[in-house]
Amino acid sequence: RVGGPLGARWRHPPSCARGPPTLGAMADGLRASDRFSINSQLEHLQSKHVGTGHADLTRHEWAVNQHRDSLASFAARPSMLHYFACAEGDSVARVRFNCMQRMIQPCGPPPAQGGNDDAI
């Protein structure tokens, strides 16, 4: 590093003409066993936690997971409930109840299953 906290710059060593290694360059250096381990860890995470997604996740399922996570976060935080209650002019209990009701189908009914599968 060259310079102080305001003028900090990265100085490349003389042997490195292209700068710091990128993620792709680091991934090229992984062995097959490392890649298998990373994939197995990802599969374990996806099977353990519902909202982490999978290869066949549709846009609607992804949006439903995002909305439910947000609504659950709002319902679990009293300060957010008080803010929404003040903004809407309702009681805190009514706002919490509305959040719970919206978690049932936050993005409306699922689209009809057809031949057009829009996976992310």
N, C-alpha and C. Protein backbone atom coordinates (compact mmCIF):
# COMPACT_ATOMS: atom_id res chain seq x y z
N ARG A 1 0.84 -1.19 0.00
CA ARG A 1 0.00 0.00 0.00
C ARG A 1 0.88 1.24 0.00
N VAL A 2 0.42 2.21 -0.72
CA VAL A 2 1.15 3.47 -0.82
C VAL A 2 0.23 4.58 -0.37
N GLY A 3 0.74 5.51 0.41
CA GLY A 3 -0.08 6.65 0.82
C GLY A 3 -0.73 6.41 2.17
N GLY A 4 -1.37 7.45 2.67
CA GLY A 4 -2.05 7.37 3.96
C GLY A 4 -3.45 6.84 3.81
N PRO A 5 -4.28 7.02 4.86
CA PRO A 5 -5.64 6.51 4.81
C PRO A 5 -6.50 7.15 3.72
N LEU A 6 -6.24 8.40 3.39
CA LEU A 6 -7.04 9.05 2.36
C LEU A 6 -6.51 8.78 0.96
N GLY A 7 -5.22 8.59 0.82
CA GLY A 7 -4.64 8.36 -0.49
C GLY A 7 -4.15 6.94 -0.66
N ALA A 8 -4.86 5.97 -0.12
CA ALA A 8 -4.40 4.59 -0.18
C ALA A 8 -4.58 4.05 -1.60
N ARG A 9 -3.52 3.47 -2.11
CA ARG A 9 -3.55 2.84 -3.43
C ARG A 9 -2.90 1.49 -3.32
N TRP A 10 -3.28 0.59 -4.20
CA TRP A 10 -2.69 -0.74 -4.24
C TRP A 10 -1.49 -0.70 -5.16
N ARG A 11 -0.35 -1.14 -4.66
CA ARG A 11 0.85 -1.21 -5.50
C ARG A 11 1.12 -2.68 -5.77
N HIS A 12 1.18 -3.02 -7.05
CA HIS A 12 1.41 -4.40 -7.45
C HIS A 12 2.87 -4.74 -7.32
N PRO A 13 3.17 -5.95 -6.88
CA PRO A 13 4.57 -6.37 -6.86
C PRO A 13 5.11 -6.44 -8.29
N PRO A 14 6.39 -6.28 -8.49
CA PRO A 14 6.94 -6.28 -9.84
C PRO A 14 6.64 -7.54 -10.63
N SER A 15 6.49 -8.68 -9.96
CA SER A 15 6.23 -9.93 -10.69
C SER A 15 4.77 -10.05 -11.11
N CYS A 16 3.91 -9.22 -10.57
CA CYS A 16 2.48 -9.32 -10.85
C CYS A 16 2.06 -8.14 -11.73
N ALA A 17 1.94 -8.36 -13.01
CA ALA A 17 1.62 -7.28 -13.94
C ALA A 17 0.12 -7.04 -14.05
N ARG A 18 -0.72 -7.98 -13.63
CA ARG A 18 -2.16 -7.87 -13.84
C ARG A 18 -2.94 -7.47 -12.60
N GLY A 19 -2.34 -7.33 -11.46
CA GLY A 19 -3.06 -6.95 -10.26
C GLY A 19 -3.40 -8.15 -9.39
N PRO A 20 -4.24 -7.94 -8.40
CA PRO A 20 -4.57 -9.02 -7.48
C PRO A 20 -5.37 -10.12 -8.19
N PRO A 21 -5.31 -11.34 -7.67
CA PRO A 21 -6.02 -12.45 -8.32
C PRO A 21 -7.53 -12.25 -8.26
N THR A 22 -8.22 -12.67 -9.29
CA THR A 22 -9.67 -12.58 -9.34
C THR A 22 -10.29 -13.86 -8.82
N LEU A 23 -11.61 -13.83 -8.63
CA LEU A 23 -12.32 -15.01 -8.14
C LEU A 23 -12.22 -16.16 -9.14
N GLY A 24 -12.29 -15.84 -10.43
CA GLY A 24 -12.18 -16.88 -11.45
C GLY A 24 -10.82 -17.54 -11.43
N ALA A 25 -9.77 -16.75 -11.22
CA ALA A 25 -8.43 -17.32 -11.15
C ALA A 25 -8.28 -18.20 -9.94
N MET A 26 -8.92 -17.81 -8.83
CA MET A 26 -8.84 -18.65 -7.63
C MET A 26 -9.64 -19.93 -7.83
N ALA A 27 -10.78 -19.84 -8.53
CA ALA A 27 -11.59 -21.04 -8.76
C ALA A 27 -10.86 -22.01 -9.68
N ASP A 28 -10.04 -21.49 -10.61
CA ASP A 28 -9.29 -22.38 -11.49
C ASP A 28 -8.27 -23.19 -10.72
N GLY A 29 -7.81 -22.67 -9.59
CA GLY A 29 -6.81 -23.37 -8.80
C GLY A 29 -7.40 -24.42 -7.88
N LEU A 30 -8.72 -24.53 -7.80
CA LEU A 30 -9.34 -25.52 -6.93
C LEU A 30 -9.21 -26.92 -7.51
N ARG A 31 -9.01 -27.86 -6.65
CA ARG A 31 -8.99 -29.25 -7.08
C ARG A 31 -10.42 -29.75 -7.21
N ALA A 32 -10.59 -30.88 -7.86
CA ALA A 32 -11.93 -31.46 -8.05
C ALA A 32 -12.56 -31.80 -6.70
N SER A 33 -11.75 -32.26 -5.75
CA SER A 33 -12.31 -32.60 -4.43
C SER A 33 -12.82 -31.36 -3.72
N ASP A 34 -12.13 -30.21 -3.90
CA ASP A 34 -12.59 -28.96 -3.29
C ASP A 34 -13.91 -28.52 -3.88
N ARG A 35 -14.04 -28.64 -5.20
CA ARG A 35 -15.29 -28.26 -5.85
C ARG A 35 -16.43 -29.16 -5.40
N PHE A 36 -16.16 -30.46 -5.25
CA PHE A 36 -17.18 -31.38 -4.78
C PHE A 36 -17.59 -31.01 -3.36
N SER A 37 -16.63 -30.67 -2.54
CA SER A 37 -16.92 -30.30 -1.15
C SER A 37 -17.78 -29.05 -1.10
N ILE A 38 -17.48 -28.06 -1.93
CA ILE A 38 -18.26 -26.83 -1.95
C ILE A 38 -19.68 -27.11 -2.41
N ASN A 39 -19.83 -27.95 -3.45
CA ASN A 39 -21.17 -28.29 -3.94
C ASN A 39 -21.95 -29.07 -2.90
N SER A 40 -21.30 -29.98 -2.19
CA SER A 40 -22.02 -30.76 -1.18
C SER A 40 -22.43 -29.87 -0.01
N GLN A 41 -21.59 -28.89 0.33
CA GLN A 41 -21.95 -27.95 1.40
C GLN A 41 -23.14 -27.10 0.98
N LEU A 42 -23.16 -26.67 -0.28
CA LEU A 42 -24.28 -25.88 -0.78
C LEU A 42 -25.57 -26.69 -0.78
N GLU A 43 -25.50 -27.94 -1.20
CA GLU A 43 -26.69 -28.80 -1.18
C GLU A 43 -27.18 -29.01 0.24
N HIS A 44 -26.27 -29.18 1.19
CA HIS A 44 -26.66 -29.36 2.58
C HIS A 44 -27.35 -28.10 3.10
N LEU A 45 -26.81 -26.92 2.76
CA LEU A 45 -27.41 -25.66 3.18
C LEU A 45 -28.81 -25.51 2.60
N GLN A 46 -28.97 -25.86 1.32
CA GLN A 46 -30.27 -25.71 0.66
C GLN A 46 -31.29 -26.69 1.21
N SER A 47 -30.87 -27.87 1.62
CA SER A 47 -31.82 -28.83 2.19
C SER A 47 -32.18 -28.46 3.63
N LYS A 48 -31.28 -27.79 4.33
CA LYS A 48 -31.50 -27.43 5.73
C LYS A 48 -32.39 -26.20 5.87
N HIS A 49 -32.19 -25.21 5.00
CA HIS A 49 -32.92 -23.95 5.08
C HIS A 49 -33.81 -23.80 3.85
N VAL A 50 -35.09 -23.54 4.08
CA VAL A 50 -36.08 -23.54 3.01
C VAL A 50 -35.85 -22.42 2.00
N GLY A 51 -35.53 -21.23 2.41
CA GLY A 51 -35.49 -20.08 1.52
C GLY A 51 -34.20 -19.89 0.75
N THR A 52 -33.26 -20.83 0.80
CA THR A 52 -31.98 -20.62 0.13
C THR A 52 -32.00 -20.98 -1.34
N GLY A 53 -33.09 -21.53 -1.84
CA GLY A 53 -33.23 -21.78 -3.27
C GLY A 53 -32.63 -23.09 -3.73
N HIS A 54 -32.89 -23.39 -4.98
CA HIS A 54 -32.35 -24.58 -5.63
C HIS A 54 -32.35 -24.32 -7.12
N ALA A 55 -31.92 -25.29 -7.90
CA ALA A 55 -31.74 -25.09 -9.34
C ALA A 55 -33.07 -24.88 -10.07
N ASP A 56 -34.15 -25.46 -9.59
CA ASP A 56 -35.44 -25.38 -10.28
C ASP A 56 -36.37 -24.33 -9.69
N LEU A 57 -35.84 -23.35 -8.98
CA LEU A 57 -36.64 -22.33 -8.33
C LEU A 57 -37.19 -21.36 -9.38
N THR A 58 -38.51 -21.15 -9.37
CA THR A 58 -39.13 -20.22 -10.32
C THR A 58 -39.11 -18.81 -9.74
N ARG A 59 -39.41 -17.84 -10.59
CA ARG A 59 -39.44 -16.45 -10.15
C ARG A 59 -40.49 -16.23 -9.06
N HIS A 60 -41.62 -16.88 -9.21
CA HIS A 60 -42.70 -16.71 -8.23
C HIS A 60 -42.28 -17.27 -6.88
N GLU A 61 -41.67 -18.45 -6.86
CA GLU A 61 -41.22 -19.04 -5.59
C GLU A 61 -40.17 -18.17 -4.92
N TRP A 62 -39.26 -17.61 -5.73
CA TRP A 62 -38.22 -16.74 -5.19
C TRP A 62 -38.85 -15.49 -4.58
N ALA A 63 -39.81 -14.89 -5.28
CA ALA A 63 -40.48 -13.69 -4.78
C ALA A 63 -41.27 -13.99 -3.51
N VAL A 64 -41.93 -15.13 -3.46
CA VAL A 64 -42.67 -15.53 -2.26
C VAL A 64 -41.72 -15.66 -1.07
N ASN A 65 -40.55 -16.30 -1.28
CA ASN A 65 -39.58 -16.44 -0.19
C ASN A 65 -39.10 -15.08 0.29
N GLN A 66 -38.82 -14.16 -0.65
CA GLN A 66 -38.35 -12.83 -0.27
C GLN A 66 -39.42 -12.07 0.52
N HIS A 67 -40.66 -12.11 0.06
CA HIS A 67 -41.73 -11.40 0.75
C HIS A 67 -42.01 -12.00 2.13
N ARG A 68 -42.01 -13.32 2.23
CA ARG A 68 -42.24 -13.94 3.54
C ARG A 68 -41.13 -13.62 4.52
N ASP A 69 -39.88 -13.61 4.05
CA ASP A 69 -38.78 -13.24 4.93
C ASP A 69 -38.94 -11.82 5.43
N SER A 70 -39.32 -10.91 4.54
CA SER A 70 -39.50 -9.51 4.94
C SER A 70 -40.65 -9.37 5.93
N LEU A 71 -41.77 -10.01 5.64
CA LEU A 71 -42.94 -9.90 6.53
C LEU A 71 -42.65 -10.51 7.90
N ALA A 72 -41.93 -11.64 7.93
CA ALA A 72 -41.57 -12.25 9.21
C ALA A 72 -40.64 -11.33 10.00
N SER A 73 -39.74 -10.66 9.30
CA SER A 73 -38.84 -9.72 9.95
C SER A 73 -39.62 -8.54 10.53
N PHE A 74 -40.59 -8.02 9.77
CA PHE A 74 -41.40 -6.91 10.26
C PHE A 74 -42.20 -7.32 11.49
N ALA A 75 -42.80 -8.52 11.45
CA ALA A 75 -43.64 -8.97 12.56
C ALA A 75 -42.83 -9.26 13.81
N ALA A 76 -41.54 -9.56 13.65
CA ALA A 76 -40.71 -9.91 14.80
C ALA A 76 -40.06 -8.70 15.46
N ARG A 77 -40.10 -7.54 14.82
CA ARG A 77 -39.44 -6.35 15.36
C ARG A 77 -40.49 -5.33 15.83
N PRO A 78 -40.58 -5.14 17.14
CA PRO A 78 -41.57 -4.21 17.67
C PRO A 78 -41.40 -2.79 17.15
N SER A 79 -40.18 -2.35 16.93
CA SER A 79 -39.98 -0.98 16.45
C SER A 79 -40.55 -0.81 15.04
N MET A 80 -40.39 -1.83 14.18
CA MET A 80 -40.96 -1.76 12.84
C MET A 80 -42.49 -1.79 12.91
N LEU A 81 -43.04 -2.61 13.81
CA LEU A 81 -44.49 -2.66 13.97
C LEU A 81 -45.04 -1.31 14.43
N HIS A 82 -44.35 -0.67 15.36
CA HIS A 82 -44.79 0.65 15.82
C HIS A 82 -44.74 1.67 14.69
N TYR A 83 -43.69 1.61 13.87
CA TYR A 83 -43.56 2.53 12.74
C TYR A 83 -44.70 2.33 11.76
N PHE A 84 -44.97 1.07 11.38
CA PHE A 84 -46.06 0.80 10.44
C PHE A 84 -47.41 1.16 11.03
N ALA A 85 -47.60 0.89 12.32
CA ALA A 85 -48.87 1.20 12.97
C ALA A 85 -49.11 2.71 12.97
N CYS A 86 -48.07 3.47 13.22
CA CYS A 86 -48.21 4.93 13.21
C CYS A 86 -48.50 5.43 11.79
N ALA A 87 -47.82 4.86 10.81
CA ALA A 87 -48.01 5.30 9.42
C ALA A 87 -49.40 4.93 8.89
N GLU A 88 -49.91 3.77 9.29
CA GLU A 88 -51.21 3.31 8.79
C GLU A 88 -52.37 3.75 9.67
N GLY A 89 -52.09 4.20 10.88
CA GLY A 89 -53.15 4.62 11.78
C GLY A 89 -53.88 3.44 12.41
N ASP A 90 -53.24 2.29 12.50
CA ASP A 90 -53.82 1.09 13.11
C ASP A 90 -53.08 0.77 14.40
N SER A 91 -53.60 -0.20 15.12
CA SER A 91 -52.91 -0.66 16.32
C SER A 91 -51.77 -1.60 15.93
N VAL A 92 -50.85 -1.80 16.86
CA VAL A 92 -49.70 -2.67 16.61
C VAL A 92 -50.19 -4.10 16.39
N ALA A 93 -51.17 -4.54 17.17
CA ALA A 93 -51.69 -5.90 17.02
C ALA A 93 -52.33 -6.09 15.64
N ARG A 94 -53.02 -5.07 15.13
CA ARG A 94 -53.65 -5.17 13.81
C ARG A 94 -52.58 -5.25 12.72
N VAL A 95 -51.51 -4.48 12.86
CA VAL A 95 -50.43 -4.52 11.86
C VAL A 95 -49.75 -5.89 11.88
N ARG A 96 -49.52 -6.44 13.07
CA ARG A 96 -48.91 -7.78 13.17
C ARG A 96 -49.84 -8.82 12.54
N PHE A 97 -51.12 -8.71 12.80
CA PHE A 97 -52.10 -9.65 12.22
C PHE A 97 -52.10 -9.53 10.70
N ASN A 98 -52.07 -8.30 10.17
CA ASN A 98 -52.03 -8.12 8.72
C ASN A 98 -50.77 -8.71 8.10
N CYS A 99 -49.63 -8.57 8.79
CA CYS A 99 -48.38 -9.17 8.29
C CYS A 99 -48.52 -10.69 8.23
N MET A 100 -49.10 -11.27 9.26
CA MET A 100 -49.27 -12.73 9.28
C MET A 100 -50.23 -13.19 8.18
N GLN A 101 -51.28 -12.44 7.94
CA GLN A 101 -52.23 -12.79 6.90
C GLN A 101 -51.60 -12.68 5.51
N ARG A 102 -50.78 -11.66 5.32
CA ARG A 102 -50.14 -11.49 4.01
C ARG A 102 -49.09 -12.55 3.75
N MET A 103 -48.60 -13.22 4.78
CA MET A 103 -47.60 -14.28 4.58
C MET A 103 -48.19 -15.52 3.92
N ILE A 104 -49.51 -15.66 3.93
CA ILE A 104 -50.13 -16.85 3.32
C ILE A 104 -49.87 -16.87 1.82
N GLN A 105 -50.21 -15.81 1.13
CA GLN A 105 -49.92 -15.68 -0.30
C GLN A 105 -49.44 -14.26 -0.57
N PRO A 106 -48.17 -13.97 -0.28
CA PRO A 106 -47.70 -12.60 -0.39
C PRO A 106 -47.65 -12.06 -1.81
N CYS A 107 -47.54 -12.93 -2.80
CA CYS A 107 -47.45 -12.48 -4.21
C CYS A 107 -48.65 -12.94 -5.01
N GLY A 108 -49.71 -13.28 -4.35
CA GLY A 108 -50.88 -13.76 -5.07
C GLY A 108 -50.79 -15.25 -5.34
N PRO A 109 -51.80 -15.79 -6.03
CA PRO A 109 -51.77 -17.22 -6.31
C PRO A 109 -50.64 -17.55 -7.29
N PRO A 110 -50.11 -18.77 -7.20
CA PRO A 110 -49.04 -19.16 -8.12
C PRO A 110 -49.53 -19.19 -9.56
N PRO A 111 -48.65 -18.89 -10.51
CA PRO A 111 -49.06 -18.91 -11.91
C PRO A 111 -49.39 -20.33 -12.37
N ALA A 112 -50.18 -20.41 -13.41
CA ALA A 112 -50.56 -21.72 -13.95
C ALA A 112 -49.33 -22.42 -14.48
N GLN A 113 -49.21 -23.70 -14.19
CA GLN A 113 -48.07 -24.49 -14.67
C GLN A 113 -48.27 -24.82 -16.14
N GLY A 114 -47.37 -24.33 -16.96
CA GLY A 114 -47.45 -24.60 -18.39
C GLY A 114 -46.10 -25.06 -18.90
N GLY A 115 -45.94 -25.06 -20.20
CA GLY A 115 -44.70 -25.47 -20.80
C GLY A 115 -43.60 -24.42 -20.61
N ASN A 116 -43.98 -23.15 -20.37
CA ASN A 116 -43.00 -22.08 -20.21
C ASN A 116 -42.57 -22.03 -18.76
N ASP A 117 -41.40 -22.55 -18.46
CA ASP A 117 -40.89 -22.60 -17.10
C ASP A 117 -39.82 -21.54 -16.95
N ASP A 118 -40.10 -20.47 -16.21
CA ASP A 118 -39.15 -19.38 -16.09
C ASP A 118 -38.32 -19.54 -14.82
N ALA A 119 -37.37 -20.46 -14.84
CA ALA A 119 -36.49 -20.66 -13.70
C ALA A 119 -35.44 -19.56 -13.68
N ILE A 120 -35.02 -19.21 -12.49
CA ILE A 120 -34.02 -18.14 -12.34
C ILE A 120 -32.66 -18.68 -12.70
